[in-house]
PDB file of N, CA and C in Angstrom:
ATOM      1  N   MET A   1      45.498  74.329  87.863  1.00  0.00           N
ATOM      2  CA  MET A   1      46.029  74.596  86.812  1.00  0.00           C
ATOM      3  C   MET A   1      47.113  75.478  87.322  1.00  0.00           C
ATOM      4  N   SER A   2      48.530  75.258  87.210  1.00  0.00           N
ATOM      5  CA  SER A   2      49.900  75.935  87.317  1.00  0.00           C
ATOM      6  C   SER A   2      49.962  76.553  86.355  1.00  0.00           C
ATOM      7  N   THR A   3      50.219  78.174  86.694  1.00  0.00           N
ATOM      8  CA  THR A   3      50.980  79.090  85.653  1.00  0.00           C
ATOM      9  C   THR A   3      52.288  79.321  85.366  1.00  0.00           C
ATOM     10  N   GLY A   4      52.706  78.491  86.565  1.00  0.00           N
ATOM     11  CA  GLY A   4      54.585  78.259  86.605  1.00  0.00           C
ATOM     12  C   GLY A   4      54.508  77.321  85.673  1.00  0.00           C
ATOM     13  N   ALA A   5      56.286  78.065  85.184  1.00  0.00           N
ATOM     14  CA  ALA A   5      56.946  77.059  83.966  1.00  0.00           C
ATOM     15  C   ALA A   5      58.412  76.620  84.894  1.00  0.00           C
ATOM     16  N   ARG A   6      58.958  75.710  83.752  1.00  0.00           N
ATOM     17  CA  ARG A   6      60.374  75.181  84.148  1.00  0.00           C
ATOM     18  C   ARG A   6      61.175  75.863  83.296  1.00  0.00           C
ATOM     19  N   PHE A   7      62.837  76.430  83.650  1.00  0.00           N
ATOM     20  CA  PHE A   7      63.165  76.757  82.414  1.00  0.00           C
ATOM     21  C   PHE A   7      64.718  75.877  82.664  1.00  0.00           C
ATOM     22  N   LYS A   8      65.654  75.785  81.650  1.00  0.00           N
ATOM     23  CA  LYS A   8      66.956  75.597  81.855  1.00  0.00           C
ATOM     24  C   LYS A   8      67.523  76.849  81.533  1.00  0.00           C
ATOM     25  N   LEU A   9      68.627  77.355  82.732  1.00  0.00           N
ATOM     26  CA  LEU A   9      69.208  77.929  82.109  1.00  0.00           C
ATOM     27  C   LEU A   9      71.147  78.322  82.093  1.00  0.00           C
ATOM     28  N   VAL A  10      71.556  78.349  80.882  1.00  0.00           N
ATOM     29  CA  VAL A  10      72.580  78.014  80.566  1.00  0.00           C
ATOM     30  C   VAL A  10      73.819  79.301  80.302  1.00  0.00           C
ATOM     31  N   PHE A  11      74.711  79.224  81.353  1.00  0.00           N
ATOM     32  CA  PHE A  11      75.551  80.298  81.007  1.00  0.00           C
ATOM     33  C   PHE A  11      76.869  79.693  80.880  1.00  0.00           C
ATOM     34  N   PHE A  12      77.666  80.627  80.523  1.00  0.00           N
ATOM     35  CA  PHE A  12      79.458  80.309  80.478  1.00  0.00           C
ATOM     36  C   PHE A  12      80.207  81.391  81.442  1.00  0.00           C
ATOM     37  N   CYS A  13      80.782  80.977  82.290  1.00  0.00           N
ATOM     38  CA  CYS A  13      81.728  81.689  83.228  1.00  0.00           C
ATOM     39  C   CYS A  13      82.567  81.109  83.059  1.00  0.00           C
ATOM     40  N   PRO A  14      84.394  82.095  83.678  1.00  0.00           N
ATOM     41  CA  PRO A  14      85.837  81.684  83.631  1.00  0.00           C
ATOM     42  C   PRO A  14      85.810  80.684  84.636  1.00  0.00           C
ATOM     43  N   ALA A  15      86.221  79.939  84.570  1.00  0.00           N
ATOM     44  CA  ALA A  15      86.114  78.862  85.686  1.00  0.00           C
ATOM     45  C   ALA A  15      86.682  79.074  86.794  1.00  0.00           C
ATOM     46  N   VAL A  16      87.730  80.311  86.952  1.00  0.00           N
ATOM     47  CA  VAL A  16      88.039  80.721  88.548  1.00  0.00           C
ATOM     48  C   VAL A  16      86.836  81.479  89.233  1.00  0.00           C
ATOM     49  N   ALA A  17      85.943  81.758  88.383  1.00  0.00           N
ATOM     50  CA  ALA A  17      84.648  82.126  89.144  1.00  0.00           C
ATOM     51  C   ALA A  17      83.185  81.720  88.968  1.00  0.00           C
ATOM     52  N   THR A  18      83.291  80.659  88.680  1.00  0.00           N
ATOM     53  CA  THR A  18      81.796  79.546  88.560  1.00  0.00           C
ATOM     54  C   THR A  18      81.512  79.837  89.693  1.00  0.00           C
ATOM     55  N   GLN A  19      81.953  79.219  90.586  1.00  0.00           N
ATOM     56  CA  GLN A  19      81.465  78.601  92.213  1.00  0.00           C
ATOM     57  C   GLN A  19      81.317  80.215  92.860  1.00  0.00           C
ATOM     58  N   SER A  20      82.095  81.714  92.519  1.00  0.00           N
ATOM     59  CA  SER A  20      81.060  82.648  93.407  1.00  0.00           C
ATOM     60  C   SER A  20      79.650  82.520  92.192  1.00  0.00           C
ATOM     61  N   VAL A  21      79.963  82.601  91.255  1.00  0.00           N
ATOM     62  CA  VAL A  21      78.483  83.300  90.713  1.00  0.00           C
ATOM     63  C   VAL A  21      77.433  82.007  91.087  1.00  0.00           C
ATOM     64  N   LEU A  22      77.536  81.044  91.260  1.00  0.00           N
ATOM     65  CA  LEU A  22      76.782  79.862  91.668  1.00  0.00           C
ATOM     66  C   LEU A  22      76.180  79.959  93.252  1.00  0.00           C
ATOM     67  N   GLU A  23      77.083  80.446  93.716  1.00  0.00           N
ATOM     68  CA  GLU A  23      76.903  80.276  94.909  1.00  0.00           C
ATOM     69  C   GLU A  23      75.942  81.860  95.635  1.00  0.00           C
ATOM     70  N   HIS A  24      75.842  83.220  94.535  1.00  0.00           N
ATOM     71  CA  HIS A  24      75.264  84.119  94.494  1.00  0.00           C
ATOM     72  C   HIS A  24      74.044  83.432  94.259  1.00  0.00           C
ATOM     73  N   LEU A  25      73.695  83.086  92.850  1.00  0.00           N
ATOM     74  CA  LEU A  25      72.433  82.533  92.635  1.00  0.00           C
ATOM     75  C   LEU A  25      71.855  82.114  93.791  1.00  0.00           C
ATOM     76  N   PHE A  26      72.335  80.769  93.847  1.00  0.00           N
ATOM     77  CA  PHE A  26      71.609  79.941  94.853  1.00  0.00           C
ATOM     78  C   PHE A  26      71.073  80.860  96.188  1.00  0.00           C
ATOM     79  N   ALA A  27      72.248  81.824  96.983  1.00  0.00           N
ATOM     80  CA  ALA A  27      71.411  82.314  98.104  1.00  0.00           C
ATOM     81  C   ALA A  27      70.649  83.403  97.806  1.00  0.00           C
ATOM     82  N   THR A  28      70.649  83.545  96.972  1.00  0.00           N
ATOM     83  CA  THR A  28      69.269  85.344  95.902  1.00  0.00           C
ATOM     84  C   THR A  28      68.148  84.255  96.129  1.00  0.00           C
ATOM     85  N   ASP A  29      67.732  83.001  95.923  1.00  0.00           N
ATOM     86  CA  ASP A  29      66.372  82.483  95.069  1.00  0.00           C
ATOM     87  C   ASP A  29      66.526  81.082  95.695  1.00  0.00           C
ATOM     88  N   PRO A  30      67.125  80.736  96.729  1.00  0.00           N
ATOM     89  CA  PRO A  30      66.976  78.736  96.967  1.00  0.00           C
ATOM     90  C   PRO A  30      65.589  78.167  96.539  1.00  0.00           C
ATOM     91  N   GLN A  31      64.854  78.518  96.593  1.00  0.00           N
ATOM     92  CA  GLN A  31      63.207  77.622  96.009  1.00  0.00           C
ATOM     93  C   GLN A  31      63.136  77.914  94.877  1.00  0.00           C
ATOM     94  N   HIS A  32      63.841  78.839  93.715  1.00  0.00           N
ATOM     95  CA  HIS A  32      63.551  78.894  92.507  1.00  0.00           C
ATOM     96  C   HIS A  32      64.500  78.846  91.751  1.00  0.00           C
ATOM     97  N   LEU A  33      65.812  77.912  92.112  1.00  0.00           N
ATOM     98  CA  LEU A  33      66.851  78.216  91.873  1.00  0.00           C
ATOM     99  C   LEU A  33      67.671  77.123  91.686  1.00  0.00           C
ATOM    100  N   GLY A  34      68.018  76.582  91.093  1.00  0.00           N
ATOM    101  CA  GLY A  34      69.064  74.652  91.689  1.00  0.00           C
ATOM    102  C   GLY A  34      68.154  73.855  92.348  1.00  0.00           C
ATOM    103  N   LYS A  35      67.181  73.620  92.307  1.00  0.00           N
ATOM    104  CA  LYS A  35      65.898  72.989  92.902  1.00  0.00           C
ATOM    105  C   LYS A  35      65.591  72.009  92.356  1.00  0.00           C
ATOM    106  N   ILE A  36      65.414  70.357  92.614  1.00  0.00           N
ATOM    107  CA  ILE A  36      64.725  69.398  91.926  1.00  0.00           C
ATOM    108  C   ILE A  36      64.710  68.607  93.499  1.00  0.00           C
ATOM    109  N   GLY A  37      63.242  68.587  93.479  1.00  0.00           N
ATOM    110  CA  GLY A  37      63.051  67.697  94.335  1.00  0.00           C
ATOM    111  C   GLY A  37      63.293  68.191  96.249  1.00  0.00           C
ATOM    112  N   ASN A  38      63.785  67.068  96.353  1.00  0.00           N
ATOM    113  CA  ASN A  38      64.388  67.383  97.643  1.00  0.00           C
ATOM    114  C   ASN A  38      65.985  68.062  97.764  1.00  0.00           C
ATOM    115  N   TYR A  39      66.389  68.231  96.791  1.00  0.00           N
ATOM    116  CA  TYR A  39      67.556  68.532  96.567  1.00  0.00           C
ATOM    117  C   TYR A  39      68.320  70.134  95.747  1.00  0.00           C
ATOM    118  N   SER A  40      68.978  70.063  96.734  1.00  0.00           N
ATOM    119  CA  SER A  40      69.221  72.358  96.332  1.00  0.00           C
ATOM    120  C   SER A  40      70.441  72.228  95.546  1.00  0.00           C
ATOM    121  N   HIS A  41      71.033  73.517  95.103  1.00  0.00           N
ATOM    122  CA  HIS A  41      72.145  73.601  94.809  1.00  0.00           C
ATOM    123  C   HIS A  41      72.780  73.151  93.196  1.00  0.00           C
ATOM    124  N   CYS A  42      71.899  72.194  92.922  1.00  0.00           N
ATOM    125  CA  CYS A  42      71.973  71.790  92.042  1.00  0.00           C
ATOM    126  C   CYS A  42      72.372  72.171  90.546  1.00  0.00           C
ATOM    127  N   ALA A  43      73.592  71.306  90.151  1.00  0.00           N
ATOM    128  CA  ALA A  43      73.735  72.146  88.252  1.00  0.00           C
ATOM    129  C   ALA A  43      74.514  71.390  87.700  1.00  0.00           C
ATOM    130  N   PHE A  44      74.740  71.851  86.425  1.00  0.00           N
ATOM    131  CA  PHE A  44      75.514  70.614  85.912  1.00  0.00           C
ATOM    132  C   PHE A  44      76.669  71.648  85.066  1.00  0.00           C
ATOM    133  N   LEU A  45      78.277  70.826  85.576  1.00  0.00           N
ATOM    134  CA  LEU A  45      79.377  72.182  84.997  1.00  0.00           C
ATOM    135  C   LEU A  45      80.009  71.238  84.070  1.00  0.00           C
ATOM    136  N   SER A  46      80.627  71.590  83.052  1.00  0.00           N
ATOM    137  CA  SER A  46      80.941  70.797  82.074  1.00  0.00           C
ATOM    138  C   SER A  46      82.415  72.302  81.163  1.00  0.00           C
ATOM    139  N   ARG A  47      83.905  72.026  81.313  1.00  0.00           N
ATOM    140  CA  ARG A  47      84.898  72.010  81.215  1.00  0.00           C
ATOM    141  C   ARG A  47      85.214  72.453  79.519  1.00  0.00           C
ATOM    142  N   GLY A  48      85.389  73.858  80.072  1.00  0.00           N
ATOM    143  CA  GLY A  48      85.865  74.094  77.891  1.00  0.00           C
ATOM    144  C   GLY A  48      86.643  75.249  77.941  1.00  0.00           C
ATOM    145  N   THR A  49      87.007  75.581  76.918  1.00  0.00           N
ATOM    146  CA  THR A  49      87.731  76.634  76.513  1.00  0.00           C
ATOM    147  C   THR A  49      86.527  77.725  75.573  1.00  0.00           C
ATOM    148  N   GLY A  50      86.339  78.560  76.142  1.00  0.00           N
ATOM    149  CA  GLY A  50      86.146  79.501  75.413  1.00  0.00           C
ATOM    150  C   GLY A  50      86.912  80.836  74.673  1.00  0.00           C
ATOM    151  N   GLN A  51      86.218  81.675  73.273  1.00  0.00           N
ATOM    152  CA  GLN A  51      87.273  82.675  72.607  1.00  0.00           C
ATOM    153  C   GLN A  51      85.763  83.767  72.151  1.00  0.00           C
ATOM    154  N   PHE A  52      87.073  84.901  72.333  1.00  0.00           N
ATOM    155  CA  PHE A  52      86.745  86.558  72.118  1.00  0.00           C
ATOM    156  C   PHE A  52      87.269  87.258  71.616  1.00  0.00           C
ATOM    157  N   ARG A  53      87.216  88.190  70.888  1.00  0.00           N
ATOM    158  CA  ARG A  53      87.965  89.206  70.848  1.00  0.00           C
ATOM    159  C   ARG A  53      87.141  90.741  70.721  1.00  0.00           C
ATOM    160  N   PRO A  54      87.367  91.336  71.851  1.00  0.00           N
ATOM    161  CA  PRO A  54      86.957  92.480  72.242  1.00  0.00           C
ATOM    162  C   PRO A  54      87.105  93.550  70.677  1.00  0.00           C
ATOM    163  N   GLU A  55      85.938  94.070  70.968  1.00  0.00           N
ATOM    164  CA  GLU A  55      86.407  95.053  69.945  1.00  0.00           C
ATOM    165  C   GLU A  55      86.186  96.646  70.618  1.00  0.00           C
ATOM    166  N   ASP A  56      86.550  97.202  69.930  1.00  0.00           N
ATOM    167  CA  ASP A  56      86.750  99.113  70.090  1.00  0.00           C
ATOM    168  C   ASP A  56      85.793  99.171  70.876  1.00  0.00           C
ATOM    169  N   GLY A  57      85.859  99.853  72.101  1.00  0.00           N
ATOM    170  CA  GLY A  57      84.874 100.412  72.884  1.00  0.00           C
ATOM    171  C   GLY A  57      84.490  99.687  74.559  1.00  0.00           C
ATOM    172  N   ALA A  58      84.557  97.848  73.895  1.00  0.00           N
ATOM    173  CA  ALA A  58      84.316  96.922  75.243  1.00  0.00           C
ATOM    174  C   ALA A  58      85.605  97.627  76.592  1.00  0.00           C
ATOM    175  N   GLN A  59      84.953  97.228  77.464  1.00  0.00           N
ATOM    176  CA  GLN A  59      85.853  96.982  78.730  1.00  0.00           C
ATOM    177  C   GLN A  59      85.775  95.578  79.213  1.00  0.00           C
ATOM    178  N   PRO A  60      86.604  94.435  78.940  1.00  0.00           N
ATOM    179  CA  PRO A  60      86.999  93.259  79.023  1.00  0.00           C
ATOM    180  C   PRO A  60      87.629  93.304  80.253  1.00  0.00           C
ATOM    181  N   ALA A  61      86.748  91.844  80.964  1.00  0.00           N
ATOM    182  CA  ALA A  61      87.246  91.455  82.470  1.00  0.00           C
ATOM    183  C   ALA A  61      88.156  90.899  82.225  1.00  0.00           C
ATOM    184  N   ILE A  62      88.222  90.583  80.774  1.00  0.00           N
ATOM    185  CA  ILE A  62      89.842  89.154  80.868  1.00  0.00           C
ATOM    186  C   ILE A  62      89.970  89.799  78.863  1.00  0.00           C
ATOM    187  N   GLY A  63      91.424  90.526  79.000  1.00  0.00           N
ATOM    188  CA  GLY A  63      91.658  90.502  77.650  1.00  0.00           C
ATOM    189  C   GLY A  63      91.833  92.188  77.313  1.00  0.00           C
ATOM    190  N   THR A  64      92.390  91.974  76.275  1.00  0.00           N
ATOM    191  CA  THR A  64      92.722  93.430  75.424  1.00  0.00           C
ATOM    192  C   THR A  64      91.718  93.635  74.404  1.00  0.00           C
ATOM    193  N   PRO A  65      90.797  94.845  73.967  1.00  0.00           N
ATOM    194  CA  PRO A  65      90.611  95.585  73.146  1.00  0.00           C
ATOM    195  C   PRO A  65      91.532  94.491  71.552  1.00  0.00           C
ATOM    196  N   GLY A  66      90.507  94.045  70.667  1.00  0.00           N
ATOM    197  CA  GLY A  66      91.284  93.808  69.025  1.00  0.00           C
ATOM    198  C   GLY A  66      91.874  92.529  69.069  1.00  0.00           C
ATOM    199  N   THR A  67      92.596  92.198  70.329  1.00  0.00           N
ATOM    200  CA  THR A  67      93.222  90.731  70.039  1.00  0.00           C
ATOM    201  C   THR A  67      92.002  89.598  71.169  1.00  0.00           C
ATOM    202  N   LEU A  68      92.551  88.297  70.237  1.00  0.00           N
ATOM    203  CA  LEU A  68      91.527  87.282  70.518  1.00  0.00           C
ATOM    204  C   LEU A  68      91.993  86.972  71.775  1.00  0.00           C
ATOM    205  N   GLU A  69      91.066  86.129  72.525  1.00  0.00           N
ATOM    206  CA  GLU A  69      91.585  85.561  73.472  1.00  0.00           C
ATOM    207  C   GLU A  69      90.668  84.398  74.240  1.00  0.00           C
ATOM    208  N   TYR A  70      91.505  83.466  74.714  1.00  0.00           N
ATOM    209  CA  TYR A  70      91.164  81.496  74.788  1.00  0.00           C
ATOM    210  C   TYR A  70      90.908  82.062  76.597  1.00  0.00           C
ATOM    211  N   VAL A  71      90.008  81.203  77.235  1.00  0.00           N
ATOM    212  CA  VAL A  71      89.954  81.156  78.476  1.00  0.00           C
ATOM    213  C   VAL A  71      89.312  80.022  78.671  1.00  0.00           C
ATOM    214  N   ASP A  72      89.496  79.347  79.755  1.00  0.00           N
ATOM    215  CA  ASP A  72      89.316  78.242  80.994  1.00  0.00           C
ATOM    216  C   ASP A  72      87.623  78.691  80.985  1.00  0.00           C
ATOM    217  N   GLU A  73      86.825  78.097  80.719  1.00  0.00           N
ATOM    218  CA  GLU A  73      85.051  78.258  80.758  1.00  0.00           C
ATOM    219  C   GLU A  73      84.360  77.085  81.207  1.00  0.00           C
ATOM    220  N   ASP A  74      83.381  77.622  81.825  1.00  0.00           N
ATOM    221  CA  ASP A  74      82.528  76.482  82.730  1.00  0.00           C
ATOM    222  C   ASP A  74      81.147  76.768  81.765  1.00  0.00           C
ATOM    223  N   ARG A  75      80.559  75.807  81.283  1.00  0.00           N
ATOM    224  CA  ARG A  75      79.168  75.823  80.340  1.00  0.00           C
ATOM    225  C   ARG A  75      78.440  75.564  82.499  1.00  0.00           C
ATOM    226  N   VAL A  76      77.840  76.547  82.336  1.00  0.00           N
ATOM    227  CA  VAL A  76      76.409  75.971  83.673  1.00  0.00           C
ATOM    228  C   VAL A  76      75.148  75.939  83.515  1.00  0.00           C
ATOM    229  N   GLU A  77      74.641  74.684  83.941  1.00  0.00           N
ATOM    230  CA  GLU A  77      72.784  74.631  83.543  1.00  0.00           C
ATOM    231  C   GLU A  77      72.764  74.547  84.753  1.00  0.00           C
ATOM    232  N   ILE A  78      71.425  75.109  84.970  1.00  0.00           N
ATOM    233  CA  ILE A  78      70.964  74.957  86.253  1.00  0.00           C
ATOM    234  C   ILE A  78      69.204  75.100  85.899  1.00  0.00           C
ATOM    235  N   LEU A  79      68.609  74.581  87.130  1.00  0.00           N
ATOM    236  CA  LEU A  79      66.880  74.386  86.803  1.00  0.00           C
ATOM    237  C   LEU A  79      66.323  75.860  87.625  1.00  0.00           C
ATOM    238  N   VAL A  80      65.724  76.586  87.062  1.00  0.00           N
ATOM    239  CA  VAL A  80      64.586  77.512  87.240  1.00  0.00           C
ATOM    240  C   VAL A  80      63.063  77.293  87.042  1.00  0.00           C
ATOM    241  N   THR A  81      63.209  77.174  88.099  1.00  0.00           N
ATOM    242  CA  THR A  81      61.169  77.274  88.349  1.00  0.00           C
ATOM    243  C   THR A  81      60.597  79.291  88.764  1.00  0.00           C
ATOM    244  N   THR A  82      59.466  78.680  87.946  1.00  0.00           N
ATOM    245  CA  THR A  82      58.754  80.450  88.279  1.00  0.00           C
ATOM    246  C   THR A  82      57.036  79.796  88.825  1.00  0.00           C
ATOM    247  N   THR A  83      56.588  80.339  89.128  1.00  0.00           N
ATOM    248  CA  THR A  83      55.683  80.447  90.214  1.00  0.00           C
ATOM    249  C   THR A  83      53.988  80.963  89.572  1.00  0.00           C
ATOM    250  N   ASP A  84      54.140  82.242  88.419  1.00  0.00           N
ATOM    251  CA  ASP A  84      53.304  82.931  87.621  1.00  0.00           C
ATOM    252  C   ASP A  84      53.920  82.828  85.958  1.00  0.00           C
ATOM    253  N   GLY A  85      52.930  83.602  85.652  1.00  0.00           N
ATOM    254  CA  GLY A  85      52.940  83.299  83.941  1.00  0.00           C
ATOM    255  C   GLY A  85      54.033  84.734  83.757  1.00  0.00           C
ATOM    256  N   ASN A  86      54.143  85.675  85.044  1.00  0.00           N
ATOM    257  CA  ASN A  86      55.065  86.450  84.047  1.00  0.00           C
ATOM    258  C   ASN A  86      56.542  85.759  84.643  1.00  0.00           C
ATOM    259  N   HIS A  87      57.052  84.765  84.639  1.00  0.00           N
ATOM    260  CA  HIS A  87      58.342  84.659  84.904  1.00  0.00           C
ATOM    261  C   HIS A  87      59.279  85.467  85.724  1.00  0.00           C
ATOM    262  N   HIS A  88      58.651  86.325  86.762  1.00  0.00           N
ATOM    263  CA  HIS A  88      59.391  86.947  87.383  1.00  0.00           C
ATOM    264  C   HIS A  88      60.360  85.851  88.038  1.00  0.00           C
ATOM    265  N   GLU A  89      60.509  84.791  88.541  1.00  0.00           N
ATOM    266  CA  GLU A  89      61.955  84.123  89.008  1.00  0.00           C
ATOM    267  C   GLU A  89      62.418  84.114  88.118  1.00  0.00           C
ATOM    268  N   LEU A  90      62.126  83.923  87.121  1.00  0.00           N
ATOM    269  CA  LEU A  90      63.149  84.095  85.349  1.00  0.00           C
ATOM    270  C   LEU A  90      64.154  85.115  85.251  1.00  0.00           C
ATOM    271  N   GLN A  91      63.375  85.720  85.265  1.00  0.00           N
ATOM    272  CA  GLN A  91      63.940  87.838  85.173  1.00  0.00           C
ATOM    273  C   GLN A  91      64.946  88.048  86.289  1.00  0.00           C
ATOM    274  N   LYS A  92      64.449  87.686  87.434  1.00  0.00           N
ATOM    275  CA  LYS A  92      64.887  87.981  88.276  1.00  0.00           C
ATOM    276  C   LYS A  92      66.577  87.153  88.556  1.00  0.00           C
ATOM    277  N   ALA A  93      66.058  85.977  87.836  1.00  0.00           N
ATOM    278  CA  ALA A  93      67.646  85.057  87.595  1.00  0.00           C
ATOM    279  C   ALA A  93      68.423  85.757  87.111  1.00  0.00           C
ATOM    280  N   LEU A  94      68.180  86.337  85.635  1.00  0.00           N
ATOM    281  CA  LEU A  94      69.102  86.913  84.608  1.00  0.00           C
ATOM    282  C   LEU A  94      69.944  88.325  85.837  1.00  0.00           C
ATOM    283  N   LYS A  95      68.840  88.869  86.236  1.00  0.00           N
ATOM    284  CA  LYS A  95      69.275  90.151  86.544  1.00  0.00           C
ATOM    285  C   LYS A  95      70.263  89.975  87.492  1.00  0.00           C
ATOM    286  N   ILE A  96      70.121  89.048  88.428  1.00  0.00           N
ATOM    287  CA  ILE A  96      71.221  88.225  89.239  1.00  0.00           C
ATOM    288  C   ILE A  96      72.401  87.628  88.655  1.00  0.00           C
ATOM    289  N   LEU A  97      71.704  87.136  87.557  1.00  0.00           N
ATOM    290  CA  LEU A  97      73.602  86.465  87.049  1.00  0.00           C
ATOM    291  C   LEU A  97      74.800  87.496  86.293  1.00  0.00           C
ATOM    292  N   LYS A  98      73.814  88.275  85.835  1.00  0.00           N
ATOM    293  CA  LYS A  98      74.511  89.668  85.093  1.00  0.00           C
ATOM    294  C   LYS A  98      75.098  89.885  85.805  1.00  0.00           C
ATOM    295  N   ALA A  99      74.705  90.381  87.028  1.00  0.00           N
ATOM    296  CA  ALA A  99      75.178  91.311  88.375  1.00  0.00           C
ATOM    297  C   ALA A  99      76.187  90.585  89.011  1.00  0.00           C
ATOM    298  N   ALA A 100      76.377  89.426  89.186  1.00  0.00           N
ATOM    299  CA  ALA A 100      77.359  88.744  89.722  1.00  0.00           C
ATOM    300  C   ALA A 100      78.330  88.194  89.048  1.00  0.00           C
ATOM    301  N   HIS A 101      78.529  87.800  87.528  1.00  0.00           N
ATOM    302  CA  HIS A 101      78.805  87.472  86.482  1.00  0.00           C
ATOM    303  C   HIS A 101      80.570  88.269  86.484  1.00  0.00           C
ATOM    304  N   PRO A 102      81.465  88.209  86.619  1.00  0.00           N
ATOM    305  CA  PRO A 102      83.003  88.827  86.036  1.00  0.00           C
ATOM    306  C   PRO A 102      82.443  89.628  84.238  1.00  0.00           C
ATOM    307  N   TYR A 103      81.845  88.758  83.804  1.00  0.00           N
ATOM    308  CA  TYR A 103      82.054  89.150  82.245  1.00  0.00           C
ATOM    309  C   TYR A 103      80.532  90.750  82.462  1.00  0.00           C
ATOM    310  N   GLU A 104      81.742  91.578  80.880  1.00  0.00           N
ATOM    311  CA  GLU A 104      80.672  92.605  81.058  1.00  0.00           C
ATOM    312  C   GLU A 104      80.116  92.370  79.620  1.00  0.00           C
ATOM    313  N   GLU A 105      79.771  91.094  79.219  1.00  0.00           N
ATOM    314  CA  GLU A 105      78.837  90.994  78.620  1.00  0.00           C
ATOM    315  C   GLU A 105      78.571  89.200  78.788  1.00  0.00           C
ATOM    316  N   VAL A 106      77.819  89.035  79.283  1.00  0.00           N
ATOM    317  CA  VAL A 106      77.248  87.415  80.030  1.00  0.00           C
ATOM    318  C   VAL A 106      76.164  86.871  78.464  1.00  0.00           C
ATOM    319  N   ALA A 107      77.092  85.701  77.874  1.00  0.00           N
ATOM    320  CA  ALA A 107      76.632  84.998  77.484  1.00  0.00           C
ATOM    321  C   ALA A 107      75.855  83.947  78.556  1.00  0.00           C
ATOM    322  N   TYR A 108      74.148  83.343  77.382  1.00  0.00           N
ATOM    323  CA  TYR A 108      73.798  82.937  78.731  1.00  0.00           C
ATOM    324  C   TYR A 108      72.026  82.098  76.883  1.00  0.00           C
ATOM    325  N   ASP A 109      71.970  81.489  77.617  1.00  0.00           N
ATOM    326  CA  ASP A 109      71.037  80.423  76.783  1.00  0.00           C
ATOM    327  C   ASP A 109      69.494  80.054  77.763  1.00  0.00           C
ATOM    328  N   VAL A 110      68.180  80.579  77.407  1.00  0.00           N
ATOM    329  CA  VAL A 110      67.063  79.930  78.713  1.00  0.00           C
ATOM    330  C   VAL A 110      66.503  79.117  77.588  1.00  0.00           C
ATOM    331  N   TYR A 111      66.161  77.635  78.214  1.00  0.00           N
ATOM    332  CA  TYR A 111      65.078  76.866  77.583  1.00  0.00           C
ATOM    333  C   TYR A 111      64.196  76.484  78.540  1.00  0.00           C
ATOM    334  N   ARG A 112      62.803  76.436  77.424  1.00  0.00           N
ATOM    335  CA  ARG A 112      61.814  76.267  78.007  1.00  0.00           C
ATOM    336  C   ARG A 112      61.884  74.522  78.537  1.00  0.00           C
ATOM    337  N   LEU A 113      61.511  73.852  79.415  1.00  0.00           N
ATOM    338  CA  LEU A 113      61.282  72.679  79.988  1.00  0.00           C
ATOM    339  C   LEU A 113      59.940  72.674  79.549  1.00  0.00           C
ATOM    340  N   GLU A 114      59.707  71.050  79.050  1.00  0.00           N
ATOM    341  CA  GLU A 114      57.982  71.111  79.244  1.00  0.00           C
ATOM    342  C   GLU A 114      58.108  69.221  79.939  1.00  0.00           C
ATOM    343  N   ASP A 115      56.857  69.117  80.924  1.00  0.00           N
ATOM    344  CA  ASP A 115      56.755  68.334  81.413  1.00  0.00           C
ATOM    345  C   ASP A 115      56.275  66.860  80.651  1.00  0.00           C
ATOM    346  N   PHE A 116      56.924  65.541  81.195  1.00  0.00           N
ATOM    347  CA  PHE A 116      56.032  64.384  79.840  1.00  0.00           C
ATOM    348  C   PHE A 116      55.889  63.432  81.148  1.00  0.00           C
TER     349      PHE A 116
END
């Protein structure tokens, strides 16, 4: 019985940076990130508008503290497969995402996927 699992990593990224963040993720771990069967670099992107107001002490990549900001963002979804019960590949993916992403605080969700 395999101890690995599949996860959907969803993150939000300014549209101008999406491709560079994805390229970095896929180059770092192509066997576990965005791989579905015989296909690699798999992702789903949907465009929308993100909003945020940086608070005092924030160092935003876009906008200024105290001002409500609107940004064209992509919702990005990629598959992350793990090979062990500790989910090292998922932890690695999150670390790489945070390092490659332009925002000070990265908005992301992780969903565990089930096989049917």
